Amino acid sequence: MARKGPEILIVGGAGYVGSHFGLYLHDRGIPYTTLDNLSQGRREFVRGELLEADLRDPASLRRALEGRAFSVIFHFAALINVGESSERPFDYFENNVVGTFHLLRVGLEHGLKKFVFSSTAATYGIPQTSQLEETHPRNPINPYGWTKLVVEQTLEQVCAQHGVGCALLRYFNAAGADEKGRAGEEHNPETHLIPLAIRAALGRGPALMIYGDDYPTPDGTCIRDYIHVADLAHAHWLATEKLAPGQVLVYNLGSETGNSVREVLKGVEKISGRPAPHKVGPRRPGDPPRLVAHARKAREELGWRPQYDLEGILRTAWRWHSDHGR
């Protein structure tokens, strides 16, 4: 008999987005348990109970969950470095795909009823439209995107077959930090634009490299859709509340507003009052000029509205990196 306890499990809850979702629940008095192998996450980001296990090892996962029942699983754990995925594709498939298969199987053994998956706009590949809708063809151009697509396709079948409600949430560019300074963006190595630009402005890192300034965009640099992690967290909870048994929901999570690399640099300089040193290099293979969400479905079906614009995102990110010396 499984003992009574929290029914929510956050997998990868010591990482960037997962920890912010944990804070969302914590601030609302909603009990949950975190599971993480701490290979990328940070223990201090976790509020409440932390179970340590590696999804690639189903025996360790079963040991960690022994005697427990979790009806809702939020799955954030993944390797996410696009460039690295091309260098280490087997590691990415083992971690992101095989690990998720183990989690899903063991979750079903422990009473799983709802499964919310952290997916990505990388499943779409090269955009065919100025804004990407959920019905856009899925044709990833890197192993990272393929791992997320394989998991999506598996969940679409397995969850419906077992009567599990499943939400596939495709993030665009997660950014920002907790307003109270309890967590922020920490990747090793760091490859994301906003933390790299802030480190350059703080003098804690090299000049930011702009990969190409000859794209067909207003200022020649790539345009991306930045969405605050607190807004992502809210969307996860709204999707969970909407899920019904056996239902598969798919939502893009983005601001629907694109900002170029140079606009982000100018924003960092405005927030900080400091220049953000940068230099221009050649384009990176596979970088589309524009990648912006069409998120009307999440607005209409979930009642979700992002609360942070780019300035708000940069403000929270600047405060985090300034205060934490990274």
Protein backbone atom coordinates (compact mmCIF):
# COMPACT_ATOMS: atom_id res chain seq x y z
CA MET A 1 0.00 0.00 0.00
CA ALA A 2 1.51 3.35 -1.05
CA ARG A 3 1.78 5.75 1.83
CA LYS A 4 -0.13 9.00 1.74
CA GLY A 5 1.97 11.95 0.62
CA PRO A 6 2.32 14.62 -2.04
CA GLU A 7 0.88 13.48 -5.35
CA ILE A 8 2.92 15.88 -7.48
CA LEU A 9 6.40 14.90 -8.67
CA ILE A 10 8.65 17.45 -10.38
CA VAL A 11 11.34 15.63 -12.33
CA GLY A 12 14.34 17.84 -13.04
CA GLY A 13 13.06 20.22 -10.38
CA ALA A 14 16.57 21.36 -9.38
CA GLY A 15 17.18 22.75 -12.87
CA TYR A 16 16.33 26.11 -14.38
CA VAL A 17 12.69 25.87 -15.45
CA GLY A 18 11.81 23.02 -13.09
CA SER A 19 12.97 24.91 -10.01
CA HIS A 20 10.90 27.95 -10.97
CA PHE A 21 7.85 25.72 -11.27
CA GLY A 22 8.63 24.35 -7.83
CA LEU A 23 8.72 27.91 -6.49
CA TYR A 24 5.35 28.57 -8.17
CA LEU A 25 3.83 25.65 -6.23
CA HIS A 26 5.69 26.53 -3.03
CA ASP A 27 4.35 30.10 -3.05
CA ARG A 28 0.79 28.76 -3.37
CA GLY A 29 1.12 26.19 -0.61
CA ILE A 30 0.80 23.24 -3.01
CA PRO A 31 2.81 20.23 -1.77
CA TYR A 32 5.15 18.44 -4.15
CA THR A 33 8.28 16.29 -4.28
CA THR A 34 11.33 16.93 -6.47
CA LEU A 35 13.36 14.26 -8.23
CA ASP A 36 16.72 15.11 -9.79
CA ASN A 37 20.14 13.53 -10.32
CA LEU A 38 21.81 16.92 -9.66
CA SER A 39 24.06 16.57 -12.72
CA GLN A 40 22.86 19.96 -13.96
CA GLY A 41 20.55 21.22 -11.22
CA ARG A 42 21.33 22.87 -7.91
CA ARG A 43 20.12 21.56 -4.57
CA GLU A 44 19.63 25.07 -3.19
CA PHE A 45 16.99 25.78 -5.85
CA VAL A 46 14.72 23.10 -4.34
CA ARG A 47 12.09 23.77 -1.70
CA GLY A 48 10.87 20.72 0.20
CA GLU A 49 11.79 17.07 -0.30
CA LEU A 50 14.39 16.09 -2.88
CA LEU A 51 14.78 12.52 -4.14
CA GLU A 52 17.98 11.70 -6.00
CA ALA A 53 17.75 9.26 -8.92
CA ASP A 54 18.86 8.98 -12.53
CA LEU A 55 16.16 8.36 -15.13
CA ARG A 56 18.58 6.29 -17.18
CA ASP A 57 18.65 3.77 -14.31
CA PRO A 58 15.13 2.38 -13.75
CA ALA A 59 16.27 0.48 -10.66
CA SER A 60 17.37 3.69 -8.93
CA LEU A 61 14.12 5.34 -10.01
CA ARG A 62 12.04 2.53 -8.52
CA ARG A 63 14.03 2.70 -5.29
CA ALA A 64 13.47 6.45 -5.01
CA LEU A 65 9.72 6.13 -5.57
CA GLU A 66 9.17 2.98 -3.51
CA GLY A 67 6.07 3.19 -1.34
CA ARG A 68 4.88 6.43 -2.95
CA ALA A 69 2.02 7.39 -5.22
CA PHE A 70 2.28 10.27 -7.67
CA SER A 71 -0.75 11.07 -9.80
CA VAL A 72 0.84 14.08 -11.55
CA ILE A 73 4.36 14.20 -13.01
CA PHE A 74 5.95 17.33 -14.43
CA HIS A 75 8.94 16.31 -16.53
CA PHE A 76 11.64 18.97 -16.98
CA ALA A 77 14.78 16.83 -16.94
CA ALA A 78 16.76 16.90 -20.19
CA LEU A 79 20.04 17.74 -21.85
CA ILE A 80 19.32 20.92 -23.83
CA ASN A 81 22.47 22.20 -25.55
CA VAL A 82 21.65 22.18 -29.26
CA GLY A 83 25.25 22.35 -30.45
CA GLU A 84 26.41 19.70 -28.02
CA SER A 85 23.61 17.39 -29.15
CA SER A 86 25.25 17.17 -32.57
CA GLU A 87 28.55 16.20 -30.95
CA ARG A 88 27.00 13.71 -28.47
CA PRO A 89 23.80 12.41 -30.08
CA PHE A 90 23.86 9.05 -28.29
CA ASP A 91 24.09 10.76 -24.90
CA TYR A 92 21.12 12.95 -25.80
CA PHE A 93 18.95 10.07 -26.95
CA GLU A 94 19.86 7.99 -23.90
CA ASN A 95 19.15 10.81 -21.47
CA ASN A 96 16.17 12.53 -23.07
CA VAL A 97 14.41 9.62 -24.78
CA VAL A 98 15.34 6.45 -22.89
CA GLY A 99 15.20 8.29 -19.57
CA THR A 100 11.69 9.51 -20.31
CA PHE A 101 10.59 6.01 -21.31
CA HIS A 102 11.76 4.73 -17.92
CA LEU A 103 10.01 7.59 -16.11
CA LEU A 104 6.75 6.95 -17.93
CA ARG A 105 6.82 3.22 -17.23
CA VAL A 106 7.68 3.61 -13.55
CA GLY A 107 5.19 6.47 -13.23
CA LEU A 108 2.40 4.19 -14.44
CA GLU A 109 3.39 1.74 -11.71
CA HIS A 110 2.92 4.50 -9.13
CA GLY A 111 -0.53 5.80 -10.04
CA LEU A 112 0.23 8.27 -12.83
CA LYS A 113 -2.86 10.12 -14.11
CA LYS A 114 -1.41 13.32 -15.63
CA PHE A 115 1.92 13.90 -17.35
CA VAL A 116 3.18 17.37 -18.32
CA PHE A 117 6.16 17.38 -20.66
CA SER A 118 8.68 20.16 -21.15
CA SER A 119 9.07 20.22 -24.93
CA THR A 120 10.52 22.80 -27.30
CA ALA A 121 10.07 24.84 -30.46
CA ALA A 122 13.11 22.92 -31.75
CA THR A 123 10.69 20.15 -32.74
CA TYR A 124 9.51 22.37 -35.62
CA GLY A 125 12.87 22.78 -37.33
CA ILE A 126 13.15 25.56 -39.94
CA PRO A 127 10.06 27.84 -39.73
CA GLN A 128 7.84 27.96 -42.78
CA THR A 129 5.79 30.88 -41.41
CA SER A 130 6.54 34.10 -39.51
CA GLN A 131 4.80 32.71 -36.41
CA LEU A 132 4.75 29.02 -35.56
CA GLU A 133 1.42 27.39 -34.74
CA GLU A 134 1.06 24.01 -33.06
CA THR A 135 0.05 22.51 -36.41
CA HIS A 136 3.33 23.54 -38.08
CA PRO A 137 5.17 20.47 -39.44
CA ARG A 138 7.59 18.92 -36.97
CA ASN A 139 10.93 18.38 -38.67
CA PRO A 140 13.84 18.96 -36.25
CA ILE A 141 17.26 19.82 -37.63
CA ASN A 142 19.38 18.71 -34.64
CA PRO A 143 19.50 15.69 -32.30
CA TYR A 144 18.15 17.73 -29.37
CA GLY A 145 14.98 18.57 -31.31
CA TRP A 146 14.66 14.96 -32.46
CA THR A 147 14.82 13.65 -28.89
CA LYS A 148 11.95 15.91 -27.89
CA LEU A 149 9.92 14.91 -30.93
CA VAL A 150 10.40 11.19 -30.27
CA VAL A 151 9.16 11.70 -26.70
CA GLU A 152 6.18 13.74 -27.92
CA GLN A 153 5.18 10.99 -30.35
CA THR A 154 5.55 8.33 -27.67
CA LEU A 155 3.46 10.28 -25.18
CA GLU A 156 0.75 10.88 -27.77
CA GLN A 157 0.29 7.12 -28.07
CA VAL A 158 1.08 5.76 -24.62
CA CYS A 159 -0.85 8.33 -22.61
CA ALA A 160 -3.99 7.88 -24.70
CA GLN A 161 -3.64 4.09 -24.45
CA HIS A 162 -3.33 4.15 -20.65
CA GLY A 163 -5.90 6.87 -19.97
CA VAL A 164 -3.27 9.38 -18.83
CA GLY A 165 -3.86 13.07 -19.50
CA CYS A 166 -0.79 14.49 -21.23
CA ALA A 167 0.28 18.07 -22.00
CA LEU A 168 3.08 18.78 -24.48
CA LEU A 169 4.33 22.30 -23.81
CA ARG A 170 6.62 23.68 -26.50
CA TYR A 171 8.78 26.45 -25.06
CA PHE A 172 10.38 29.11 -27.15
CA ASN A 173 13.27 30.93 -25.38
CA ALA A 174 12.95 30.57 -21.61
CA ALA A 175 14.58 33.50 -19.82
CA GLY A 176 14.59 35.61 -16.65
CA ALA A 177 14.81 34.74 -12.97
CA ASP A 178 12.73 34.50 -9.82
CA GLU A 179 11.57 37.93 -8.59
CA LYS A 180 12.72 37.10 -5.05
CA GLY A 181 16.17 35.97 -6.17
CA ARG A 182 15.70 32.36 -5.10
CA ALA A 183 16.66 30.84 -8.46
CA GLY A 184 17.98 31.92 -11.83
CA GLU A 185 19.51 30.72 -15.06
CA GLU A 186 22.53 28.50 -14.48
CA HIS A 187 23.87 26.30 -17.28
CA ASN A 188 27.33 24.77 -17.55
CA PRO A 189 28.51 25.64 -20.06
CA GLU A 190 26.27 28.66 -20.61
CA THR A 191 25.12 29.08 -24.19
CA HIS A 192 22.03 31.30 -23.86
CA LEU A 193 22.07 34.87 -25.09
CA ILE A 194 20.72 36.80 -22.11
CA PRO A 195 23.04 35.41 -19.39
CA LEU A 196 26.02 35.69 -21.74
CA ALA A 197 25.18 39.32 -22.54
CA ILE A 198 24.79 40.13 -18.85
CA ARG A 199 28.08 38.45 -17.95
CA ALA A 200 29.79 40.50 -20.65
CA ALA A 201 28.27 43.70 -19.23
CA LEU A 202 29.35 42.73 -15.71
CA GLY A 203 32.89 41.99 -16.90
CA ARG A 204 32.56 38.38 -15.75
CA GLY A 205 32.80 36.84 -19.17
CA PRO A 206 34.17 37.46 -22.65
CA ALA A 207 32.61 39.76 -25.19
CA LEU A 208 29.36 38.32 -26.51
CA MET A 209 29.64 36.67 -29.90
CA ILE A 210 26.91 37.64 -32.37
CA TYR A 211 26.65 34.78 -34.84
CA GLY A 212 25.90 36.64 -38.04
CA ASP A 213 24.58 40.15 -38.66
CA ASP A 214 23.53 39.67 -42.28
CA TYR A 215 20.17 37.94 -41.80
CA PRO A 216 17.03 39.27 -43.53
CA THR A 217 15.83 41.01 -40.37
CA PRO A 218 15.58 44.74 -39.57
CA ASP A 219 19.04 44.91 -37.92
CA GLY A 220 20.59 41.81 -39.52
CA THR A 221 20.61 39.67 -36.36
CA CYS A 222 18.43 36.68 -35.51
CA ILE A 223 15.03 37.24 -33.91
CA ARG A 224 13.79 35.02 -31.08
CA ASP A 225 10.77 34.87 -28.78
CA TYR A 226 11.73 35.27 -25.11
CA ILE A 227 9.37 34.06 -22.39
CA HIS A 228 9.85 34.45 -18.63
CA VAL A 229 10.19 31.27 -16.56
CA ALA A 230 7.48 32.48 -14.16
CA ASP A 231 5.07 32.72 -17.10
CA LEU A 232 6.09 29.21 -18.15
CA ALA A 233 5.41 27.95 -14.63
CA HIS A 234 1.91 29.42 -14.65
CA ALA A 235 1.16 27.77 -18.00
CA HIS A 236 2.17 24.37 -16.62
CA TRP A 237 -0.34 24.61 -13.81
CA LEU A 238 -3.13 25.84 -16.09
CA ALA A 239 -2.49 22.94 -18.47
CA THR A 240 -2.63 20.47 -15.58
CA GLU A 241 -5.97 21.79 -14.42
CA LYS A 242 -7.41 21.40 -17.92
CA LEU A 243 -6.21 17.85 -18.57
CA ALA A 244 -8.74 15.04 -18.73
CA PRO A 245 -7.99 11.28 -18.69
CA GLY A 246 -6.51 10.09 -21.98
CA GLN A 247 -6.44 13.62 -23.41
CA VAL A 248 -3.35 14.98 -25.18
CA LEU A 249 -3.00 18.78 -25.20
CA VAL A 250 -0.34 20.66 -27.17
CA TYR A 251 0.55 24.31 -26.58
CA ASN A 252 3.18 26.73 -27.75
CA LEU A 253 4.49 28.89 -24.91
CA GLY A 254 5.92 32.16 -26.16
CA SER A 255 5.32 35.89 -26.02
CA GLU A 256 4.45 36.15 -29.74
CA THR A 257 6.90 39.06 -29.83
CA GLY A 258 10.28 38.62 -31.45
CA ASN A 259 13.42 40.45 -30.33
CA SER A 260 16.72 40.50 -32.19
CA VAL A 261 20.12 39.86 -30.70
CA ARG A 262 20.96 43.55 -30.93
CA GLU A 263 17.67 44.49 -29.23
CA VAL A 264 18.56 42.21 -26.34
CA LEU A 265 22.01 43.82 -26.08
CA LYS A 266 20.46 47.29 -26.04
CA GLY A 267 18.02 46.13 -23.38
CA VAL A 268 20.84 44.83 -21.18
CA GLU A 269 22.67 48.15 -21.57
CA LYS A 270 19.52 50.08 -20.65
CA ILE A 271 18.81 48.01 -17.55
CA SER A 272 22.42 47.96 -16.35
CA GLY A 273 23.67 51.35 -17.47
CA ARG A 274 26.75 49.56 -18.80
CA PRO A 275 27.92 48.59 -22.27
CA ALA A 276 27.67 44.92 -23.19
CA PRO A 277 30.90 44.18 -25.11
CA HIS A 278 30.28 42.12 -28.23
CA LYS A 279 31.74 41.12 -31.55
CA VAL A 280 30.36 39.69 -34.76
CA GLY A 281 31.26 36.27 -36.10
CA PRO A 282 29.97 34.05 -38.90
CA ARG A 283 26.53 32.51 -38.90
CA ARG A 284 25.98 29.20 -37.16
CA PRO A 285 24.63 26.39 -39.35
CA GLY A 286 20.90 25.85 -38.87
CA ASP A 287 20.06 29.17 -37.21
CA PRO A 288 16.78 30.43 -38.73
CA PRO A 289 16.47 34.22 -39.09
CA ARG A 290 13.23 34.33 -37.08
CA LEU A 291 11.64 31.98 -34.54
CA VAL A 292 8.48 33.38 -32.94
CA ALA A 293 5.51 31.63 -31.35
CA HIS A 294 1.88 31.75 -32.31
CA ALA A 295 0.39 31.17 -28.84
CA ARG A 296 -3.28 31.97 -29.40
CA LYS A 297 -4.29 28.42 -28.48
CA ALA A 298 -2.81 28.73 -24.97
CA ARG A 299 -4.47 32.13 -24.57
CA GLU A 300 -7.89 30.92 -25.65
CA GLU A 301 -7.96 27.46 -24.06
CA LEU A 302 -5.96 28.07 -20.88
CA GLY A 303 -6.60 31.78 -20.32
CA TRP A 304 -2.81 32.21 -20.20
CA ARG A 305 -1.26 35.64 -20.64
CA PRO A 306 2.48 36.25 -20.21
CA GLN A 307 3.07 38.94 -17.60
CA TYR A 308 6.67 39.83 -18.50
CA ASP A 309 7.92 41.71 -21.54
CA LEU A 310 11.58 41.75 -22.59
CA GLU A 311 12.42 44.58 -20.17
CA GLY A 312 10.89 42.66 -17.25
CA ILE A 313 12.78 39.52 -18.25
CA LEU A 314 16.07 41.41 -18.41
CA ARG A 315 15.42 43.20 -15.13
CA THR A 316 15.00 39.93 -13.20
CA ALA A 317 17.92 38.28 -14.99
CA TRP A 318 20.22 41.26 -14.32
CA ARG A 319 19.33 41.25 -10.62
CA TRP A 320 19.99 37.52 -10.34
CA HIS A 321 23.39 37.56 -12.02
CA SER A 322 24.45 40.77 -10.25
CA ASP A 323 23.58 39.39 -6.82
CA HIS A 324 25.00 35.90 -7.33
CA GLY A 325 28.38 36.73 -8.75
CA ARG A 326 28.07 34.64 -11.90
